[in-house]
């Protein structure tokens, strides 16, 4: 079963790639040794080939990646705020340990009739 992974707000959607601004939790998965205080200014550049086809990249909205494609790996780069250049990161770290939760089964509803005991 394939599912999508939200990684952050899409700041740029090009012809071959998309860029997302990452939050601290996603940054810790991709670069655990990076020390930051407060909200990090970090962007991840990913190829469109691993982006979700059900929810394509749109600037200003959440960027979703297809988990199956992420597990296959792709060339991605991380631009750390305040530093020139970017570093290559293993995008498979995002999906590491993720398992989709099954949908909860609907509970049987009991009928309540006023005045009856």
N, C-alpha and C. Protein backbone atom coordinates (compact mmCIF):
# COMPACT_ATOMS: atom_id res chain seq x y z
N UNK A 1 0.85 -1.18 0.00
CA UNK A 1 0.00 0.00 0.00
C UNK A 1 0.89 1.24 0.00
N UNK A 2 0.67 2.10 -0.96
CA UNK A 2 1.46 3.32 -1.07
C UNK A 2 0.73 4.46 -0.36
N UNK A 3 1.50 5.35 0.22
CA UNK A 3 0.92 6.52 0.86
C UNK A 3 1.85 7.70 0.65
N UNK A 4 1.36 8.89 0.90
CA UNK A 4 2.13 10.11 0.71
C UNK A 4 2.70 10.59 2.04
N UNK A 5 3.84 11.27 1.94
CA UNK A 5 4.51 11.83 3.12
C UNK A 5 4.58 13.35 2.93
N UNK A 6 4.03 14.10 3.86
CA UNK A 6 4.12 15.56 3.84
C UNK A 6 5.47 15.96 4.40
N UNK A 7 6.21 16.81 3.67
CA UNK A 7 7.55 17.17 4.15
C UNK A 7 7.69 18.64 4.50
N UNK A 8 6.81 19.50 4.05
CA UNK A 8 6.91 20.92 4.36
C UNK A 8 6.24 21.75 3.29
N UNK A 9 6.28 23.05 3.46
CA UNK A 9 5.63 23.95 2.50
C UNK A 9 6.46 24.08 1.24
N UNK A 10 5.80 23.92 0.09
CA UNK A 10 6.47 24.04 -1.21
C UNK A 10 6.76 25.52 -1.47
N UNK A 11 8.03 25.84 -1.67
CA UNK A 11 8.41 27.22 -1.94
C UNK A 11 8.73 27.45 -3.40
N UNK A 12 8.94 26.36 -4.14
CA UNK A 12 9.25 26.47 -5.56
C UNK A 12 8.90 25.16 -6.25
N UNK A 13 8.27 25.25 -7.41
CA UNK A 13 7.96 24.06 -8.20
C UNK A 13 8.43 24.31 -9.63
N UNK A 14 9.53 23.67 -10.00
CA UNK A 14 10.09 23.83 -11.34
C UNK A 14 9.63 22.73 -12.27
N UNK A 15 10.28 22.64 -13.44
CA UNK A 15 9.93 21.61 -14.40
C UNK A 15 10.47 20.24 -14.00
N UNK A 16 11.60 20.22 -13.30
CA UNK A 16 12.24 18.95 -12.94
C UNK A 16 12.33 18.72 -11.44
N UNK A 17 12.05 19.73 -10.65
CA UNK A 17 12.26 19.62 -9.21
C UNK A 17 11.24 20.46 -8.45
N UNK A 18 11.18 20.22 -7.14
CA UNK A 18 10.37 21.03 -6.23
C UNK A 18 11.23 21.31 -5.00
N UNK A 19 10.97 22.42 -4.34
CA UNK A 19 11.71 22.82 -3.15
C UNK A 19 10.72 23.01 -2.01
N UNK A 20 11.04 22.45 -0.84
CA UNK A 20 10.16 22.57 0.33
C UNK A 20 10.95 23.13 1.50
N UNK A 21 10.30 24.01 2.26
CA UNK A 21 10.90 24.52 3.50
C UNK A 21 10.61 23.49 4.59
N UNK A 22 11.66 23.03 5.24
CA UNK A 22 11.52 21.98 6.25
C UNK A 22 11.36 22.54 7.65
N UNK A 23 10.64 21.79 8.48
CA UNK A 23 10.56 22.13 9.90
C UNK A 23 11.65 21.36 10.64
N UNK A 24 11.76 21.58 11.93
CA UNK A 24 12.82 20.97 12.72
C UNK A 24 12.77 19.46 12.77
N UNK A 25 11.56 18.88 12.85
CA UNK A 25 11.43 17.42 12.93
C UNK A 25 11.92 16.75 11.66
N UNK A 26 11.58 17.28 10.51
CA UNK A 26 12.01 16.70 9.25
C UNK A 26 13.52 16.91 9.06
N UNK A 27 14.02 18.05 9.49
CA UNK A 27 15.45 18.30 9.40
C UNK A 27 16.25 17.31 10.25
N UNK A 28 15.75 16.99 11.43
CA UNK A 28 16.44 16.02 12.30
C UNK A 28 16.52 14.64 11.66
N UNK A 29 15.49 14.27 10.88
CA UNK A 29 15.53 12.98 10.19
C UNK A 29 16.60 12.97 9.11
N UNK A 30 16.71 14.06 8.37
CA UNK A 30 17.63 14.10 7.24
C UNK A 30 19.07 14.44 7.63
N UNK A 31 19.23 15.28 8.65
CA UNK A 31 20.57 15.74 9.05
C UNK A 31 20.62 15.82 10.57
N UNK A 32 20.73 14.67 11.26
CA UNK A 32 20.63 14.66 12.73
C UNK A 32 21.71 15.45 13.44
N UNK A 33 22.84 15.69 12.81
CA UNK A 33 23.93 16.40 13.49
C UNK A 33 23.85 17.91 13.34
N UNK A 34 22.93 18.41 12.54
CA UNK A 34 22.82 19.86 12.34
C UNK A 34 22.24 20.50 13.59
N UNK A 35 22.96 21.45 14.15
CA UNK A 35 22.51 22.14 15.37
C UNK A 35 21.78 23.42 14.97
N UNK A 36 20.57 23.58 15.48
CA UNK A 36 19.81 24.79 15.20
C UNK A 36 19.01 25.19 16.43
N UNK A 37 18.70 26.48 16.50
CA UNK A 37 17.89 27.02 17.59
C UNK A 37 16.71 27.72 16.94
N UNK A 38 15.52 27.46 17.43
CA UNK A 38 14.34 28.08 16.86
C UNK A 38 13.93 27.41 15.57
N UNK A 39 13.22 28.14 14.73
CA UNK A 39 12.76 27.61 13.44
C UNK A 39 13.91 27.67 12.43
N UNK A 40 14.35 26.51 11.92
CA UNK A 40 15.46 26.51 10.97
C UNK A 40 15.03 27.06 9.60
N UNK A 41 15.98 27.67 8.91
CA UNK A 41 15.76 28.16 7.54
C UNK A 41 16.44 27.17 6.60
N UNK A 42 15.78 26.05 6.36
CA UNK A 42 16.36 24.97 5.58
C UNK A 42 15.38 24.55 4.50
N UNK A 43 15.91 24.33 3.29
CA UNK A 43 15.09 23.92 2.16
C UNK A 43 15.62 22.63 1.56
N UNK A 44 14.70 21.75 1.17
CA UNK A 44 15.05 20.48 0.55
C UNK A 44 14.60 20.53 -0.91
N UNK A 45 15.54 20.22 -1.80
CA UNK A 45 15.25 20.18 -3.23
C UNK A 45 15.10 18.71 -3.64
N UNK A 46 13.93 18.35 -4.19
CA UNK A 46 13.64 16.97 -4.57
C UNK A 46 13.23 16.92 -6.04
N UNK A 47 13.54 15.80 -6.72
CA UNK A 47 13.08 15.66 -8.10
C UNK A 47 11.57 15.42 -8.14
N UNK A 48 10.93 15.88 -9.21
CA UNK A 48 9.48 15.68 -9.34
C UNK A 48 9.12 14.20 -9.44
N UNK A 49 10.08 13.37 -9.81
CA UNK A 49 9.81 11.94 -9.97
C UNK A 49 9.41 11.26 -8.66
N UNK A 50 9.77 11.83 -7.50
CA UNK A 50 9.38 11.22 -6.22
C UNK A 50 8.20 11.95 -5.57
N UNK A 51 7.72 13.01 -6.19
CA UNK A 51 6.57 13.73 -5.65
C UNK A 51 5.30 12.93 -5.90
N UNK A 52 4.32 13.15 -5.06
CA UNK A 52 3.05 12.46 -5.16
C UNK A 52 2.34 12.84 -6.46
N UNK A 53 1.76 11.83 -7.11
CA UNK A 53 0.96 12.10 -8.30
C UNK A 53 -0.47 12.45 -7.92
N UNK A 54 -0.91 12.00 -6.75
CA UNK A 54 -2.26 12.33 -6.27
C UNK A 54 -2.35 13.77 -5.79
N UNK A 55 -1.23 14.27 -5.25
CA UNK A 55 -1.19 15.65 -4.75
C UNK A 55 0.07 16.30 -5.31
N UNK A 56 0.02 16.77 -6.56
CA UNK A 56 1.22 17.35 -7.18
C UNK A 56 1.67 18.63 -6.48
N UNK A 57 2.95 18.98 -6.64
CA UNK A 57 3.49 20.16 -5.97
C UNK A 57 2.81 21.45 -6.42
N UNK A 58 2.46 22.27 -5.46
CA UNK A 58 1.89 23.59 -5.72
C UNK A 58 2.56 24.58 -4.77
N UNK A 59 3.09 25.63 -5.34
CA UNK A 59 3.78 26.63 -4.52
C UNK A 59 2.84 27.20 -3.47
N UNK A 60 3.35 27.28 -2.22
CA UNK A 60 2.58 27.82 -1.11
C UNK A 60 1.76 26.78 -0.37
N UNK A 61 1.73 25.52 -0.88
CA UNK A 61 0.99 24.46 -0.21
C UNK A 61 1.94 23.38 0.26
N UNK A 62 1.42 22.43 1.02
CA UNK A 62 2.23 21.32 1.53
C UNK A 62 2.76 20.49 0.35
N UNK A 63 4.02 20.08 0.45
CA UNK A 63 4.62 19.22 -0.57
C UNK A 63 4.56 17.79 -0.10
N UNK A 64 4.02 16.90 -0.94
CA UNK A 64 3.87 15.50 -0.61
C UNK A 64 4.77 14.65 -1.50
N UNK A 65 5.43 13.67 -0.88
CA UNK A 65 6.25 12.71 -1.60
C UNK A 65 5.60 11.34 -1.53
N UNK A 66 5.76 10.55 -2.59
CA UNK A 66 5.23 9.19 -2.64
C UNK A 66 6.20 8.30 -1.85
N UNK A 67 5.71 7.62 -0.82
CA UNK A 67 6.57 6.82 0.05
C UNK A 67 7.32 5.73 -0.71
N UNK A 68 6.64 5.05 -1.64
CA UNK A 68 7.28 3.98 -2.40
C UNK A 68 8.47 4.52 -3.20
N UNK A 69 8.30 5.69 -3.81
CA UNK A 69 9.37 6.30 -4.59
C UNK A 69 10.49 6.82 -3.69
N UNK A 70 10.14 7.30 -2.51
CA UNK A 70 11.14 7.77 -1.55
C UNK A 70 12.02 6.61 -1.11
N UNK A 71 11.41 5.45 -0.84
CA UNK A 71 12.16 4.28 -0.40
C UNK A 71 13.10 3.76 -1.49
N UNK A 72 12.78 4.05 -2.74
CA UNK A 72 13.65 3.66 -3.85
C UNK A 72 14.88 4.57 -3.92
N UNK A 73 14.79 5.75 -3.34
CA UNK A 73 15.91 6.69 -3.31
C UNK A 73 15.88 7.65 -4.48
N UNK A 74 16.51 8.77 -4.31
CA UNK A 74 16.61 9.79 -5.34
C UNK A 74 17.68 10.79 -4.93
N UNK A 75 18.14 11.57 -5.89
CA UNK A 75 19.15 12.59 -5.61
C UNK A 75 18.46 13.82 -5.04
N UNK A 76 18.71 14.14 -3.79
CA UNK A 76 18.13 15.31 -3.16
C UNK A 76 19.23 16.14 -2.51
N UNK A 77 18.95 17.42 -2.34
CA UNK A 77 19.95 18.29 -1.70
C UNK A 77 19.28 19.18 -0.67
N UNK A 78 20.04 19.50 0.34
CA UNK A 78 19.57 20.29 1.47
C UNK A 78 20.34 21.60 1.48
N UNK A 79 19.62 22.71 1.46
CA UNK A 79 20.24 24.04 1.53
C UNK A 79 20.04 24.56 2.95
N UNK A 80 21.12 24.65 3.70
CA UNK A 80 21.06 25.12 5.08
C UNK A 80 21.12 26.64 5.08
N UNK A 81 20.19 27.26 5.78
CA UNK A 81 20.11 28.71 5.83
C UNK A 81 21.39 29.35 6.35
N UNK A 82 21.82 30.41 5.68
CA UNK A 82 23.01 31.12 6.11
C UNK A 82 24.31 30.52 5.62
N UNK A 83 24.27 29.37 4.95
CA UNK A 83 25.48 28.75 4.42
C UNK A 83 25.37 28.69 2.90
N UNK A 84 26.49 28.92 2.24
CA UNK A 84 26.46 28.86 0.78
C UNK A 84 26.51 27.41 0.31
N UNK A 85 25.87 27.15 -0.80
CA UNK A 85 25.88 25.81 -1.36
C UNK A 85 24.85 24.91 -0.70
N UNK A 86 24.89 23.65 -1.07
CA UNK A 86 23.96 22.68 -0.50
C UNK A 86 24.68 21.36 -0.31
N UNK A 87 24.07 20.49 0.48
CA UNK A 87 24.67 19.18 0.73
C UNK A 87 23.70 18.09 0.27
N UNK A 88 24.24 17.00 -0.22
CA UNK A 88 23.42 15.86 -0.64
C UNK A 88 22.94 15.11 0.59
N UNK A 89 21.68 14.71 0.58
CA UNK A 89 21.11 13.94 1.68
C UNK A 89 20.38 12.72 1.12
N UNK A 90 20.27 11.70 1.94
CA UNK A 90 19.58 10.48 1.56
C UNK A 90 18.11 10.63 1.91
N UNK A 91 17.26 10.80 0.90
CA UNK A 91 15.84 11.04 1.11
C UNK A 91 15.15 9.82 1.72
N UNK A 92 15.76 8.65 1.63
CA UNK A 92 15.15 7.44 2.21
C UNK A 92 15.03 7.55 3.73
N UNK A 93 15.81 8.44 4.36
CA UNK A 93 15.73 8.63 5.81
C UNK A 93 14.36 9.17 6.24
N UNK A 94 13.68 9.86 5.34
CA UNK A 94 12.36 10.40 5.67
C UNK A 94 11.37 9.28 5.95
N UNK A 95 11.41 8.24 5.13
CA UNK A 95 10.45 7.14 5.25
C UNK A 95 10.91 6.04 6.19
N UNK A 96 12.07 6.18 6.76
CA UNK A 96 12.62 5.16 7.65
C UNK A 96 11.71 4.97 8.87
N UNK A 97 11.19 3.77 9.04
CA UNK A 97 10.36 3.45 10.20
C UNK A 97 8.91 3.86 10.07
N UNK A 98 8.49 4.35 8.90
CA UNK A 98 7.10 4.74 8.72
C UNK A 98 6.28 3.56 8.22
N UNK A 99 5.18 3.33 8.85
CA UNK A 99 4.23 2.30 8.43
C UNK A 99 2.86 2.95 8.42
N UNK A 100 2.09 2.74 7.37
CA UNK A 100 0.75 3.34 7.36
C UNK A 100 -0.15 2.69 8.39
N UNK A 101 -0.95 3.49 9.03
CA UNK A 101 -1.90 2.98 10.02
C UNK A 101 -3.16 2.53 9.28
N UNK A 102 -3.72 1.39 9.65
CA UNK A 102 -4.97 0.98 9.01
C UNK A 102 -6.11 1.90 9.43
N UNK A 103 -7.08 2.03 8.55
CA UNK A 103 -8.24 2.86 8.88
C UNK A 103 -8.99 2.21 10.03
N UNK A 104 -9.46 2.97 10.97
CA UNK A 104 -10.23 2.38 12.08
C UNK A 104 -11.56 1.83 11.56
N UNK A 105 -11.95 0.72 12.13
CA UNK A 105 -13.24 0.15 11.74
C UNK A 105 -14.35 0.94 12.40
N UNK A 106 -15.43 1.16 11.69
CA UNK A 106 -16.52 1.93 12.30
C UNK A 106 -17.16 1.14 13.44
N UNK A 107 -17.48 1.86 14.50
CA UNK A 107 -18.10 1.22 15.66
C UNK A 107 -19.61 1.12 15.44
N UNK A 108 -20.18 0.08 16.00
CA UNK A 108 -21.63 -0.10 15.93
C UNK A 108 -22.28 0.97 16.78
N UNK A 109 -23.19 1.70 16.18
CA UNK A 109 -23.88 2.76 16.92
C UNK A 109 -25.10 2.17 17.62
N UNK A 110 -25.29 2.61 18.85
CA UNK A 110 -26.48 2.17 19.59
C UNK A 110 -27.55 3.23 19.45
N UNK A 111 -28.76 2.78 19.33
CA UNK A 111 -29.88 3.71 19.18
C UNK A 111 -30.40 4.08 20.55
N UNK A 112 -30.70 5.32 20.72
CA UNK A 112 -31.24 5.83 21.99
C UNK A 112 -32.67 6.32 21.73
N UNK A 113 -33.59 5.81 22.45
CA UNK A 113 -34.97 6.26 22.31
C UNK A 113 -35.36 6.91 23.64
N UNK A 114 -35.74 8.16 23.60
CA UNK A 114 -36.09 8.90 24.81
C UNK A 114 -37.34 8.31 25.47
N UNK A 115 -37.30 8.16 26.77
CA UNK A 115 -38.43 7.68 27.53
C UNK A 115 -38.45 6.17 27.70
N UNK A 116 -37.61 5.45 27.07
CA UNK A 116 -37.58 4.00 27.22
C UNK A 116 -36.48 3.60 28.19
N UNK A 117 -36.73 2.52 28.88
CA UNK A 117 -35.73 2.02 29.82
C UNK A 117 -35.33 0.64 29.45
